[in-house]
PDB file of N, CA and C in Angstrom:
ATOM      1  N   MET A   1     127.221  56.707 114.212  1.00  0.00           N
ATOM      2  CA  MET A   1     126.533  56.952 115.471  1.00  0.00           C
ATOM      3  C   MET A   1     125.080  57.350 115.252  1.00  0.00           C
ATOM      4  N   ARG A   2     124.772  57.918 114.104  1.00  0.00           N
ATOM      5  CA  ARG A   2     123.428  58.447 113.861  1.00  0.00           C
ATOM      6  C   ARG A   2     122.450  57.371 113.431  1.00  0.00           C
ATOM      7  N   PHE A   3     122.955  56.271 112.897  1.00  0.00           N
ATOM      8  CA  PHE A   3     122.078  55.243 112.348  1.00  0.00           C
ATOM      9  C   PHE A   3     122.542  53.863 112.797  1.00  0.00           C
ATOM     10  N   ILE A   4     121.592  52.997 113.092  1.00  0.00           N
ATOM     11  CA  ILE A   4     121.926  51.606 113.395  1.00  0.00           C
ATOM     12  C   ILE A   4     122.574  50.982 112.164  1.00  0.00           C
ATOM     13  N   ASP A   5     122.006  51.261 111.000  1.00  0.00           N
ATOM     14  CA  ASP A   5     122.558  50.792 109.732  1.00  0.00           C
ATOM     15  C   ASP A   5     123.037  52.014 108.943  1.00  0.00           C
ATOM     16  N   PRO A   6     124.339  52.333 108.985  1.00  0.00           N
ATOM     17  CA  PRO A   6     124.823  53.528 108.307  1.00  0.00           C
ATOM     18  C   PRO A   6     124.561  53.527 106.807  1.00  0.00           C
ATOM     19  N   LEU A   7     124.421  52.361 106.217  1.00  0.00           N
ATOM     20  CA  LEU A   7     124.165  52.295 104.773  1.00  0.00           C
ATOM     21  C   LEU A   7     122.756  52.774 104.411  1.00  0.00           C
ATOM     22  N   SER A   8     121.875  52.870 105.402  1.00  0.00           N
ATOM     23  CA  SER A   8     120.517  53.342 105.110  1.00  0.00           C
ATOM     24  C   SER A   8     120.513  54.808 104.680  1.00  0.00           C
ATOM     25  N   ASP A   9     121.538  55.556 105.071  1.00  0.00           N
ATOM     26  CA  ASP A   9     121.631  56.975 104.736  1.00  0.00           C
ATOM     27  C   ASP A   9     122.843  57.283 103.852  1.00  0.00           C
ATOM     28  N   ALA A  10     123.664  56.285 103.620  1.00  0.00           N
ATOM     29  CA  ALA A  10     124.946  56.505 102.947  1.00  0.00           C
ATOM     30  C   ALA A  10     124.803  56.688 101.440  1.00  0.00           C
ATOM     31  N   GLU A  11     125.700  57.500 100.912  1.00  0.00           N
ATOM     32  CA  GLU A  11     125.833  57.685  99.477  1.00  0.00           C
ATOM     33  C   GLU A  11     127.316  57.602  99.148  1.00  0.00           C
ATOM     34  N   THR A  12     127.599  57.263  97.908  1.00  0.00           N
ATOM     35  CA  THR A  12     128.996  57.168  97.507  1.00  0.00           C
ATOM     36  C   THR A  12     129.653  58.541  97.503  1.00  0.00           C
ATOM     37  N   PHE A  13     130.934  58.527  97.759  1.00  0.00           N
ATOM     38  CA  PHE A  13     131.789  59.707  97.637  1.00  0.00           C
ATOM     39  C   PHE A  13     133.168  59.163  97.311  1.00  0.00           C
ATOM     40  N   LYS A  14     133.598  59.370  96.080  1.00  0.00           N
ATOM     41  CA  LYS A  14     134.904  58.866  95.659  1.00  0.00           C
ATOM     42  C   LYS A  14     135.707  59.998  95.045  1.00  0.00           C
ATOM     43  N   SER A  15     136.959  60.063  95.466  1.00  0.00           N
ATOM     44  CA  SER A  15     137.880  61.076  94.985  1.00  0.00           C
ATOM     45  C   SER A  15     139.174  60.388  94.575  1.00  0.00           C
ATOM     46  N   LYS A  16     139.779  60.883  93.518  1.00  0.00           N
ATOM     47  CA  LYS A  16     141.064  60.337  93.078  1.00  0.00           C
ATOM     48  C   LYS A  16     142.000  61.509  92.813  1.00  0.00           C
ATOM     49  N   ASN A  17     143.115  61.522  93.532  1.00  0.00           N
ATOM     50  CA  ASN A  17     144.110  62.591  93.385  1.00  0.00           C
ATOM     51  C   ASN A  17     143.484  63.971  93.566  1.00  0.00           C
ATOM     52  N   GLY A  18     142.560  64.097  94.531  1.00  0.00           N
ATOM     53  CA  GLY A  18     141.954  65.378  94.830  1.00  0.00           C
ATOM     54  C   GLY A  18     140.871  65.815  93.860  1.00  0.00           C
ATOM     55  N   ILE A  19     140.422  64.903  93.004  1.00  0.00           N
ATOM     56  CA  ILE A  19     139.360  65.199  92.044  1.00  0.00           C
ATOM     57  C   ILE A  19     138.173  64.295  92.353  1.00  0.00           C
ATOM     58  N   LEU A  20     136.995  64.876  92.468  1.00  0.00           N
ATOM     59  CA  LEU A  20     135.777  64.097  92.709  1.00  0.00           C
ATOM     60  C   LEU A  20     135.467  63.253  91.484  1.00  0.00           C
ATOM     61  N   VAL A  21     135.244  61.957  91.701  1.00  0.00           N
ATOM     62  CA  VAL A  21     134.915  61.067  90.578  1.00  0.00           C
ATOM     63  C   VAL A  21     133.516  60.473  90.706  1.00  0.00           C
ATOM     64  N   GLU A  22     132.955  60.473  91.914  1.00  0.00           N
ATOM     65  CA  GLU A  22     131.581  59.967  92.094  1.00  0.00           C
ATOM     66  C   GLU A  22     131.001  60.521  93.380  1.00  0.00           C
ATOM     67  N   ILE A  23     129.713  60.849  93.322  1.00  0.00           N
ATOM     68  CA  ILE A  23     129.023  61.335  94.514  1.00  0.00           C
ATOM     69  C   ILE A  23     127.529  61.050  94.383  1.00  0.00           C
ATOM     70  N   GLY A  24     126.917  60.687  95.502  1.00  0.00           N
ATOM     71  CA  GLY A  24     125.463  60.650  95.594  1.00  0.00           C
ATOM     72  C   GLY A  24     124.757  59.380  95.179  1.00  0.00           C
ATOM     73  N   ALA A  25     125.482  58.363  94.753  1.00  0.00           N
ATOM     74  CA  ALA A  25     124.819  57.114  94.379  1.00  0.00           C
ATOM     75  C   ALA A  25     124.530  56.290  95.633  1.00  0.00           C
ATOM     76  N   LYS A  26     123.424  55.586  95.644  1.00  0.00           N
ATOM     77  CA  LYS A  26     123.122  54.675  96.749  1.00  0.00           C
ATOM     78  C   LYS A  26     124.087  53.502  96.670  1.00  0.00           C
ATOM     79  N   THR A  27     124.424  52.963  97.813  1.00  0.00           N
ATOM     80  CA  THR A  27     125.361  51.849  97.850  1.00  0.00           C
ATOM     81  C   THR A  27     125.006  50.883  98.968  1.00  0.00           C
ATOM     82  N   ASP A  28     125.356  49.644  98.765  1.00  0.00           N
ATOM     83  CA  ASP A  28     125.222  48.615  99.790  1.00  0.00           C
ATOM     84  C   ASP A  28     126.584  48.196 100.328  1.00  0.00           C
ATOM     85  N   LEU A  29     127.640  48.899  99.899  1.00  0.00           N
ATOM     86  CA  LEU A  29     129.002  48.525 100.266  1.00  0.00           C
ATOM     87  C   LEU A  29     129.718  49.688 100.947  1.00  0.00           C
ATOM     88  N   LEU A  30     130.158  49.481 102.173  1.00  0.00           N
ATOM     89  CA  LEU A  30     130.921  50.524 102.858  1.00  0.00           C
ATOM     90  C   LEU A  30     132.204  50.855 102.100  1.00  0.00           C
ATOM     91  N   ASP A  31     132.778  49.872 101.402  1.00  0.00           N
ATOM     92  CA  ASP A  31     134.013  50.098 100.656  1.00  0.00           C
ATOM     93  C   ASP A  31     133.846  51.102  99.520  1.00  0.00           C
ATOM     94  N   SER A  32     132.614  51.370  99.087  1.00  0.00           N
ATOM     95  CA  SER A  32     132.402  52.316  97.996  1.00  0.00           C
ATOM     96  C   SER A  32     132.311  53.756  98.496  1.00  0.00           C
ATOM     97  N   ILE A  33     132.536  53.947  99.797  1.00  0.00           N
ATOM     98  CA  ILE A  33     132.456  55.279 100.393  1.00  0.00           C
ATOM     99  C   ILE A  33     133.833  55.652 100.929  1.00  0.00           C
ATOM    100  N   GLN A  34     134.446  56.644 100.304  1.00  0.00           N
ATOM    101  CA  GLN A  34     135.758  57.104 100.763  1.00  0.00           C
ATOM    102  C   GLN A  34     135.635  58.243 101.761  1.00  0.00           C
ATOM    103  N   GLY A  35     134.517  58.914 101.749  1.00  0.00           N
ATOM    104  CA  GLY A  35     134.318  60.058 102.627  1.00  0.00           C
ATOM    105  C   GLY A  35     132.881  60.497 102.560  1.00  0.00           C
ATOM    106  N   GLN A  36     132.639  61.709 103.034  1.00  0.00           N
ATOM    107  CA  GLN A  36     131.280  62.241 103.040  1.00  0.00           C
ATOM    108  C   GLN A  36     131.341  63.700 102.616  1.00  0.00           C
ATOM    109  N   TYR A  37     130.419  64.073 101.752  1.00  0.00           N
ATOM    110  CA  TYR A  37     130.296  65.464 101.343  1.00  0.00           C
ATOM    111  C   TYR A  37     129.740  66.247 102.519  1.00  0.00           C
ATOM    112  N   MET A  38     130.476  67.255 102.966  1.00  0.00           N
ATOM    113  CA  MET A  38     130.058  67.999 104.149  1.00  0.00           C
ATOM    114  C   MET A  38     129.245  69.245 103.834  1.00  0.00           C
ATOM    115  N   GLY A  39     128.953  69.459 102.568  1.00  0.00           N
ATOM    116  CA  GLY A  39     128.063  70.555 102.215  1.00  0.00           C
ATOM    117  C   GLY A  39     128.741  71.897 102.044  1.00  0.00           C
ATOM    118  N   LEU A  40     130.050  71.909 102.026  1.00  0.00           N
ATOM    119  CA  LEU A  40     130.776  73.157 101.834  1.00  0.00           C
ATOM    120  C   LEU A  40     131.361  73.201 100.432  1.00  0.00           C
ATOM    121  N   LEU A  41     131.154  74.314  99.767  1.00  0.00           N
ATOM    122  CA  LEU A  41     131.678  74.482  98.417  1.00  0.00           C
ATOM    123  C   LEU A  41     132.368  75.831  98.282  1.00  0.00           C
ATOM    124  N   LYS A  42     133.434  75.851  97.519  1.00  0.00           N
ATOM    125  CA  LYS A  42     134.022  77.102  97.067  1.00  0.00           C
ATOM    126  C   LYS A  42     133.827  77.103  95.558  1.00  0.00           C
ATOM    127  N   ILE A  43     133.091  78.073  95.082  1.00  0.00           N
ATOM    128  CA  ILE A  43     132.791  78.132  93.655  1.00  0.00           C
ATOM    129  C   ILE A  43     133.560  79.297  93.051  1.00  0.00           C
ATOM    130  N   THR A  44     134.427  78.997  92.105  1.00  0.00           N
ATOM    131  CA  THR A  44     135.194  80.025  91.416  1.00  0.00           C
ATOM    132  C   THR A  44     134.305  80.685  90.362  1.00  0.00           C
ATOM    133  N   PRO A  45     134.704  81.838  89.845  1.00  0.00           N
ATOM    134  CA  PRO A  45     133.928  82.454  88.764  1.00  0.00           C
ATOM    135  C   PRO A  45     133.760  81.529  87.558  1.00  0.00           C
ATOM    136  N   ILE A  46     134.793  80.801  87.197  1.00  0.00           N
ATOM    137  CA  ILE A  46     134.686  79.851  86.075  1.00  0.00           C
ATOM    138  C   ILE A  46     133.712  78.736  86.431  1.00  0.00           C
ATOM    139  N   GLY A  47     133.789  78.230  87.665  1.00  0.00           N
ATOM    140  CA  GLY A  47     132.865  77.194  88.115  1.00  0.00           C
ATOM    141  C   GLY A  47     131.431  77.687  88.107  1.00  0.00           C
ATOM    142  N   TRP A  48     131.221  78.948  88.517  1.00  0.00           N
ATOM    143  CA  TRP A  48     129.870  79.508  88.533  1.00  0.00           C
ATOM    144  C   TRP A  48     129.307  79.582  87.113  1.00  0.00           C
ATOM    145  N   LYS A  49     130.138  79.929  86.151  1.00  0.00           N
ATOM    146  CA  LYS A  49     129.683  79.965  84.750  1.00  0.00           C
ATOM    147  C   LYS A  49     129.245  78.576  84.292  1.00  0.00           C
ATOM    148  N   LYS A  50     129.990  77.539  84.687  1.00  0.00           N
ATOM    149  CA  LYS A  50     129.624  76.170  84.322  1.00  0.00           C
ATOM    150  C   LYS A  50     128.312  75.764  84.986  1.00  0.00           C
ATOM    151  N   ILE A  51     128.137  76.140  86.236  1.00  0.00           N
ATOM    152  CA  ILE A  51     126.906  75.803  86.955  1.00  0.00           C
ATOM    153  C   ILE A  51     125.715  76.515  86.327  1.00  0.00           C
ATOM    154  N   THR A  52     125.837  77.808  86.066  1.00  0.00           N
ATOM    155  CA  THR A  52     124.706  78.541  85.492  1.00  0.00           C
ATOM    156  C   THR A  52     124.379  78.048  84.091  1.00  0.00           C
ATOM    157  N   SER A  53     125.385  77.655  83.338  1.00  0.00           N
ATOM    158  CA  SER A  53     125.141  77.083  82.015  1.00  0.00           C
ATOM    159  C   SER A  53     124.356  75.781  82.150  1.00  0.00           C
ATOM    160  N   PHE A  54     124.736  74.972  83.113  1.00  0.00           N
ATOM    161  CA  PHE A  54     124.039  73.719  83.384  1.00  0.00           C
ATOM    162  C   PHE A  54     122.586  73.990  83.795  1.00  0.00           C
ATOM    163  N   LEU A  55     122.387  74.966  84.680  1.00  0.00           N
ATOM    164  CA  LEU A  55     121.040  75.261  85.170  1.00  0.00           C
ATOM    165  C   LEU A  55     120.133  75.800  84.070  1.00  0.00           C
ATOM    166  N   ARG A  56     120.701  76.550  83.133  1.00  0.00           N
ATOM    167  CA  ARG A  56     119.888  77.087  82.034  1.00  0.00           C
ATOM    168  C   ARG A  56     119.270  75.983  81.181  1.00  0.00           C
ATOM    169  N   ALA A  57     119.881  74.822  81.175  1.00  0.00           N
ATOM    170  CA  ALA A  57     119.383  73.704  80.367  1.00  0.00           C
ATOM    171  C   ALA A  57     118.260  72.945  81.072  1.00  0.00           C
ATOM    172  N   LEU A  58     117.961  73.303  82.325  1.00  0.00           N
ATOM    173  CA  LEU A  58     116.935  72.602  83.094  1.00  0.00           C
ATOM    174  C   LEU A  58     115.651  73.408  83.162  1.00  0.00           C
ATOM    175  N   SER A  59     114.548  72.711  83.327  1.00  0.00           N
ATOM    176  CA  SER A  59     113.260  73.387  83.542  1.00  0.00           C
ATOM    177  C   SER A  59     113.180  73.860  84.990  1.00  0.00           C
ATOM    178  N   ASP A  60     112.244  74.759  85.269  1.00  0.00           N
ATOM    179  CA  ASP A  60     112.039  75.224  86.644  1.00  0.00           C
ATOM    180  C   ASP A  60     111.693  74.060  87.564  1.00  0.00           C
ATOM    181  N   ALA A  61     110.903  73.123  87.088  1.00  0.00           N
ATOM    182  CA  ALA A  61     110.526  71.950  87.892  1.00  0.00           C
ATOM    183  C   ALA A  61     111.754  71.104  88.223  1.00  0.00           C
ATOM    184  N   GLU A  62     112.655  70.934  87.264  1.00  0.00           N
ATOM    185  CA  GLU A  62     113.884  70.161  87.514  1.00  0.00           C
ATOM    186  C   GLU A  62     114.780  70.878  88.514  1.00  0.00           C
ATOM    187  N   ILE A  63     114.879  72.182  88.394  1.00  0.00           N
ATOM    188  CA  ILE A  63     115.701  72.956  89.324  1.00  0.00           C
ATOM    189  C   ILE A  63     115.132  72.872  90.733  1.00  0.00           C
ATOM    190  N   ASP A  64     113.811  72.929  90.867  1.00  0.00           N
ATOM    191  CA  ASP A  64     113.165  72.856  92.186  1.00  0.00           C
ATOM    192  C   ASP A  64     113.459  71.539  92.897  1.00  0.00           C
ATOM    193  N   LYS A  65     113.694  70.476  92.157  1.00  0.00           N
ATOM    194  CA  LYS A  65     113.961  69.151  92.735  1.00  0.00           C
ATOM    195  C   LYS A  65     115.448  68.909  92.975  1.00  0.00           C
ATOM    196  N   LEU A  66     116.294  69.805  92.510  1.00  0.00           N
ATOM    197  CA  LEU A  66     117.740  69.608  92.541  1.00  0.00           C
ATOM    198  C   LEU A  66     118.315  69.905  93.920  1.00  0.00           C
ATOM    199  N   ASP A  67     119.169  69.011  94.413  1.00  0.00           N
ATOM    200  CA  ASP A  67     119.950  69.300  95.610  1.00  0.00           C
ATOM    201  C   ASP A  67     121.420  69.363  95.203  1.00  0.00           C
ATOM    202  N   MET A  68     122.284  69.796  96.112  1.00  0.00           N
ATOM    203  CA  MET A  68     123.692  70.002  95.752  1.00  0.00           C
ATOM    204  C   MET A  68     124.374  68.706  95.339  1.00  0.00           C
ATOM    205  N   THR A  69     124.104  67.621  96.048  1.00  0.00           N
ATOM    206  CA  THR A  69     124.752  66.365  95.717  1.00  0.00           C
ATOM    207  C   THR A  69     124.389  65.908  94.304  1.00  0.00           C
ATOM    208  N   SER A  70     123.108  65.985  93.963  1.00  0.00           N
ATOM    209  CA  SER A  70     122.717  65.555  92.615  1.00  0.00           C
ATOM    210  C   SER A  70     123.250  66.520  91.563  1.00  0.00           C
ATOM    211  N   MET A  71     123.343  67.802  91.885  1.00  0.00           N
ATOM    212  CA  MET A  71     123.922  68.739  90.924  1.00  0.00           C
ATOM    213  C   MET A  71     125.401  68.428  90.694  1.00  0.00           C
ATOM    214  N   LEU A  72     126.135  68.153  91.751  1.00  0.00           N
ATOM    215  CA  LEU A  72     127.541  67.799  91.593  1.00  0.00           C
ATOM    216  C   LEU A  72     127.693  66.536  90.761  1.00  0.00           C
ATOM    217  N   SER A  73     126.836  65.560  90.998  1.00  0.00           N
ATOM    218  CA  SER A  73     126.877  64.314  90.227  1.00  0.00           C
ATOM    219  C   SER A  73     126.627  64.573  88.744  1.00  0.00           C
ATOM    220  N   ILE A  74     125.649  65.404  88.442  1.00  0.00           N
ATOM    221  CA  ILE A  74     125.336  65.708  87.041  1.00  0.00           C
ATOM    222  C   ILE A  74     126.468  66.501  86.395  1.00  0.00           C
ATOM    223  N   LEU A  75     127.071  67.422  87.140  1.00  0.00           N
ATOM    224  CA  LEU A  75     128.217  68.157  86.608  1.00  0.00           C
ATOM    225  C   LEU A  75     129.363  67.212  86.279  1.00  0.00           C
ATOM    226  N   LEU A  76     129.593  66.220  87.145  1.00  0.00           N
ATOM    227  CA  LEU A  76     130.638  65.225  86.862  1.00  0.00           C
ATOM    228  C   LEU A  76     130.345  64.481  85.566  1.00  0.00           C
ATOM    229  N   LYS A  77     129.093  64.098  85.372  1.00  0.00           N
ATOM    230  CA  LYS A  77     128.716  63.401  84.139  1.00  0.00           C
ATOM    231  C   LYS A  77     128.918  64.287  82.915  1.00  0.00           C
ATOM    232  N   GLY A  78     128.904  65.612  83.110  1.00  0.00           N
ATOM    233  CA  GLY A  78     129.165  66.557  82.028  1.00  0.00           C
ATOM    234  C   GLY A  78     130.636  66.904  81.916  1.00  0.00           C
ATOM    235  N   ASN A  79     131.495  66.115  82.556  1.00  0.00           N
ATOM    236  CA  ASN A  79     132.951  66.275  82.499  1.00  0.00           C
ATOM    237  C   ASN A  79     133.454  67.578  83.118  1.00  0.00           C
ATOM    238  N   VAL A  80     132.743  68.076  84.117  1.00  0.00           N
ATOM    239  CA  VAL A  80     133.209  69.230  84.873  1.00  0.00           C
ATOM    240  C   VAL A  80     134.121  68.712  85.984  1.00  0.00           C
ATOM    241  N   THR A  81     135.315  69.261  86.101  1.00  0.00           N
ATOM    242  CA  THR A  81     136.250  68.861  87.141  1.00  0.00           C
ATOM    243  C   THR A  81     135.876  69.534  88.453  1.00  0.00           C
ATOM    244  N   ILE A  82     135.761  68.733  89.508  1.00  0.00           N
ATOM    245  CA  ILE A  82     135.426  69.233  90.840  1.00  0.00           C
ATOM    246  C   ILE A  82     136.520  68.764  91.786  1.00  0.00           C
ATOM    247  N   ASN A  83     137.228  69.719  92.368  1.00  0.00           N
ATOM    248  CA  ASN A  83     138.303  69.400  93.296  1.00  0.00           C
ATOM    249  C   ASN A  83     137.737  69.084  94.673  1.00  0.00           C
ATOM    250  N   THR A  84     138.463  68.268  95.420  1.00  0.00           N
ATOM    251  CA  THR A  84     138.069  67.929  96.791  1.00  0.00           C
ATOM    252  C   THR A  84     139.205  68.262  97.749  1.00  0.00           C
ATOM    253  N   ILE A  85     138.852  68.478  98.996  1.00  0.00           N
ATOM    254  CA  ILE A  85     139.830  68.684 100.063  1.00  0.00           C
ATOM    255  C   ILE A  85     139.428  67.766 101.206  1.00  0.00           C
ATOM    256  N   ALA A  86     140.323  66.899 101.609  1.00  0.00           N
ATOM    257  CA  ALA A  86     140.039  65.956 102.693  1.00  0.00           C
ATOM    258  C   ALA A  86     140.110  66.666 104.039  1.00  0.00           C
ATOM    259  N   VAL A  87     139.185  66.324 104.914  1.00  0.00           N
ATOM    260  CA  VAL A  87     139.157  66.827 106.286  1.00  0.00           C
ATOM    261  C   VAL A  87     139.150  65.608 107.188  1.00  0.00           C
ATOM    262  N   GLN A  88     140.061  65.559 108.136  1.00  0.00           N
ATOM    263  CA  GLN A  88     140.117  64.446 109.071  1.00  0.00           C
ATOM    264  C   GLN A  88     139.562  64.892 110.408  1.00  0.00           C
ATOM    265  N   GLY A  89     138.450  64.304 110.824  1.00  0.00           N
ATOM    266  CA  GLY A  89     137.882  64.601 112.138  1.00  0.00           C
ATOM    267  C   GLY A  89     137.408  66.042 112.256  1.00  0.00           C
ATOM    268  N   GLY A  90     136.991  66.404 113.448  1.00  0.00           N
ATOM    269  CA  GLY A  90     136.589  67.768 113.738  1.00  0.00           C
ATOM    270  C   GLY A  90     135.314  68.214 113.050  1.00  0.00           C
ATOM    271  N   TRP A  91     134.541  67.287 112.583  1.00  0.00           N
ATOM    272  CA  TRP A  91     133.307  67.616 111.866  1.00  0.00           C
ATOM    273  C   TRP A  91     132.307  66.489 112.060  1.00  0.00           C
ATOM    274  N   CYS A  92     131.041  66.860 112.241  1.00  0.00           N
ATOM    275  CA  CYS A  92     129.962  65.889 112.372  1.00  0.00           C
ATOM    276  C   CYS A  92     128.738  66.421 111.644  1.00  0.00           C
ATOM    277  N   GLU A  93     127.986  65.525 111.038  1.00  0.00           N
ATOM    278  CA  GLU A  93     126.731  65.931 110.406  1.00  0.00           C
ATOM    279  C   GLU A  93     125.643  65.964 111.470  1.00  0.00           C
ATOM    280  N   VAL A  94     124.967  67.097 111.575  1.00  0.00           N
ATOM    281  CA  VAL A  94     123.899  67.258 112.543  1.00  0.00           C
ATOM    282  C   VAL A  94     122.637  67.637 111.791  1.00  0.00           C
ATOM    283  N   ASP A  95     121.702  66.701 111.725  1.00  0.00           N
ATOM    284  CA  ASP A  95     120.413  66.956 111.080  1.00  0.00           C
ATOM    285  C   ASP A  95     119.296  67.147 112.095  1.00  0.00           C
ATOM    286  N   THR A  96     119.512  66.639 113.303  1.00  0.00           N
ATOM    287  CA  THR A  96     118.480  66.725 114.335  1.00  0.00           C
ATOM    288  C   THR A  96     119.129  67.036 115.684  1.00  0.00           C
ATOM    289  N   ALA A  97     118.308  67.467 116.632  1.00  0.00           N
ATOM    290  CA  ALA A  97     118.810  67.693 117.990  1.00  0.00           C
ATOM    291  C   ALA A  97     119.339  66.392 118.583  1.00  0.00           C
ATOM    292  N   ASN A  98     118.727  65.279 118.231  1.00  0.00           N
ATOM    293  CA  ASN A  98     119.180  63.971 118.718  1.00  0.00           C
ATOM    294  C   ASN A  98     120.611  63.681 118.255  1.00  0.00           C
ATOM    295  N   ASP A  99     120.942  64.053 117.013  1.00  0.00           N
ATOM    296  CA  ASP A  99     122.311  63.876 116.521  1.00  0.00           C
ATOM    297  C   ASP A  99     123.289  64.621 117.432  1.00  0.00           C
ATOM    298  N   LEU A 100     122.975  65.878 117.718  1.00  0.00           N
ATOM    299  CA  LEU A 100     123.854  66.693 118.555  1.00  0.00           C
ATOM    300  C   LEU A 100     123.999  66.089 119.948  1.00  0.00           C
ATOM    301  N   HIS A 101     122.906  65.597 120.515  1.00  0.00           N
ATOM    302  CA  HIS A 101     122.968  64.984 121.851  1.00  0.00           C
ATOM    303  C   HIS A 101     123.872  63.753 121.844  1.00  0.00           C
ATOM    304  N   LYS A 102     123.807  62.952 120.787  1.00  0.00           N
ATOM    305  CA  LYS A 102     124.679  61.772 120.678  1.00  0.00           C
ATOM    306  C   LYS A 102     126.142  62.191 120.646  1.00  0.00           C
ATOM    307  N   TYR A 103     126.457  63.224 119.883  1.00  0.00           N
ATOM    308  CA  TYR A 103     127.841  63.692 119.777  1.00  0.00           C
ATOM    309  C   TYR A 103     128.327  64.279 121.096  1.00  0.00           C
ATOM    310  N   GLU A 104     127.483  65.044 121.758  1.00  0.00           N
ATOM    311  CA  GLU A 104     127.866  65.615 123.044  1.00  0.00           C
ATOM    312  C   GLU A 104     128.118  64.516 124.079  1.00  0.00           C
ATOM    313  N   ALA A 105     127.321  63.457 124.042  1.00  0.00           N
ATOM    314  CA  ALA A 105     127.533  62.323 124.952  1.00  0.00           C
ATOM    315  C   ALA A 105     128.857  61.635 124.639  1.00  0.00           C
ATOM    316  N   GLU A 106     129.178  61.502 123.370  1.00  0.00           N
ATOM    317  CA  GLU A 106     130.451  60.881 122.988  1.00  0.00           C
ATOM    318  C   GLU A 106     131.621  61.722 123.483  1.00  0.00           C
ATOM    319  N   ILE A 107     131.529  63.036 123.329  1.00  0.00           N
ATOM    320  CA  ILE A 107     132.593  63.927 123.806  1.00  0.00           C
ATOM    321  C   ILE A 107     132.757  63.798 125.315  1.00  0.00           C
ATOM    322  N   ALA A 108     131.648  63.713 126.041  1.00  0.00           N
ATOM    323  CA  ALA A 108     131.703  63.596 127.498  1.00  0.00           C
ATOM    324  C   ALA A 108     132.372  62.293 127.943  1.00  0.00           C
ATOM    325  N   ASN A 109     132.246  61.247 127.130  1.00  0.00           N
ATOM    326  CA  ASN A 109     132.779  59.933 127.497  1.00  0.00           C
ATOM    327  C   ASN A 109     134.094  59.586 126.817  1.00  0.00           C
ATOM    328  N   ASN A 110     134.547  60.404 125.876  1.00  0.00           N
ATOM    329  CA  ASN A 110     135.735  60.061 125.093  1.00  0.00           C
ATOM    330  C   ASN A 110     136.527  61.334 124.805  1.00  0.00           C
ATOM    331  N   ASN A 111     137.542  61.582 125.606  1.00  0.00           N
ATOM    332  CA  ASN A 111     138.357  62.794 125.448  1.00  0.00           C
ATOM    333  C   ASN A 111     139.169  62.816 124.164  1.00  0.00           C
ATOM    334  N   ASN A 112     139.312  61.687 123.515  1.00  0.00           N
ATOM    335  CA  ASN A 112     140.139  61.601 122.310  1.00  0.00           C
ATOM    336  C   ASN A 112     139.326  61.332 121.050  1.00  0.00           C
ATOM    337  N   TRP A 113     138.053  61.646 121.072  1.00  0.00           N
ATOM    338  CA  TRP A 113     137.197  61.384 119.914  1.00  0.00           C
ATOM    339  C   TRP A 113     137.657  62.234 118.735  1.00  0.00           C
ATOM    340  N   SER A 114     137.935  61.607 117.608  1.00  0.00           N
ATOM    341  CA  SER A 114     138.523  62.308 116.460  1.00  0.00           C
ATOM    342  C   SER A 114     137.594  63.334 115.823  1.00  0.00           C
ATOM    343  N   HIS A 115     136.314  63.268 116.116  1.00  0.00           N
ATOM    344  CA  HIS A 115     135.368  64.202 115.504  1.00  0.00           C
ATOM    345  C   HIS A 115     134.978  65.354 116.437  1.00  0.00           C
ATOM    346  N   ASP A 116     135.680  65.487 117.557  1.00  0.00           N
ATOM    347  CA  ASP A 116     135.412  66.582 118.485  1.00  0.00           C
ATOM    348  C   ASP A 116     135.719  67.903 117.778  1.00  0.00           C
ATOM    349  N   TRP A 117     134.701  68.716 117.581  1.00  0.00           N
ATOM    350  CA  TRP A 117     134.818  69.943 116.812  1.00  0.00           C
ATOM    351  C   TRP A 117     135.229  71.153 117.663  1.00  0.00           C
ATOM    352  N   ARG A 118     135.267  70.980 118.963  1.00  0.00           N
ATOM    353  CA  ARG A 118     135.584  72.106 119.848  1.00  0.00           C
ATOM    354  C   ARG A 118     137.075  72.456 119.771  1.00  0.00           C
ATOM    355  N   ASP A 119     137.385  73.706 119.955  1.00  0.00           N
ATOM    356  CA  ASP A 119     138.793  74.117 120.060  1.00  0.00           C
ATOM    357  C   ASP A 119     139.312  73.649 121.398  1.00  0.00           C
ATOM    358  N   ASN A 120     140.403  72.954 121.366  1.00  0.00           N
ATOM    359  CA  ASN A 120     140.990  72.447 122.634  1.00  0.00           C
ATOM    360  C   ASN A 120     142.135  73.308 123.065  1.00  0.00           C
TER     361      ASN A 120
END
């Protein structure tokens, strides 16, 4: 709903048996996208040690350019296991007020919209 061409903003997200196997690569194929990273993380103490160890190997300039998706991708390349939890509906990415207006219009016109985040 947010883009005429969803692939213009899309990145890969692949999980196998609840384990993240790929995230953040550009793609031209909708089939290479199993889901979307919603920006929520639970970091265990062991996971935090792995992240801080990874960050210590980077320069300040590299850290300043790092976002969560690219950090997760680099951790995967370092053989760090990252678990995933699937969420069906009830969530929408909102980057702009226009995004929210589109979703509110959809809710007003579709009582059964699977991404309706409101408590019913």
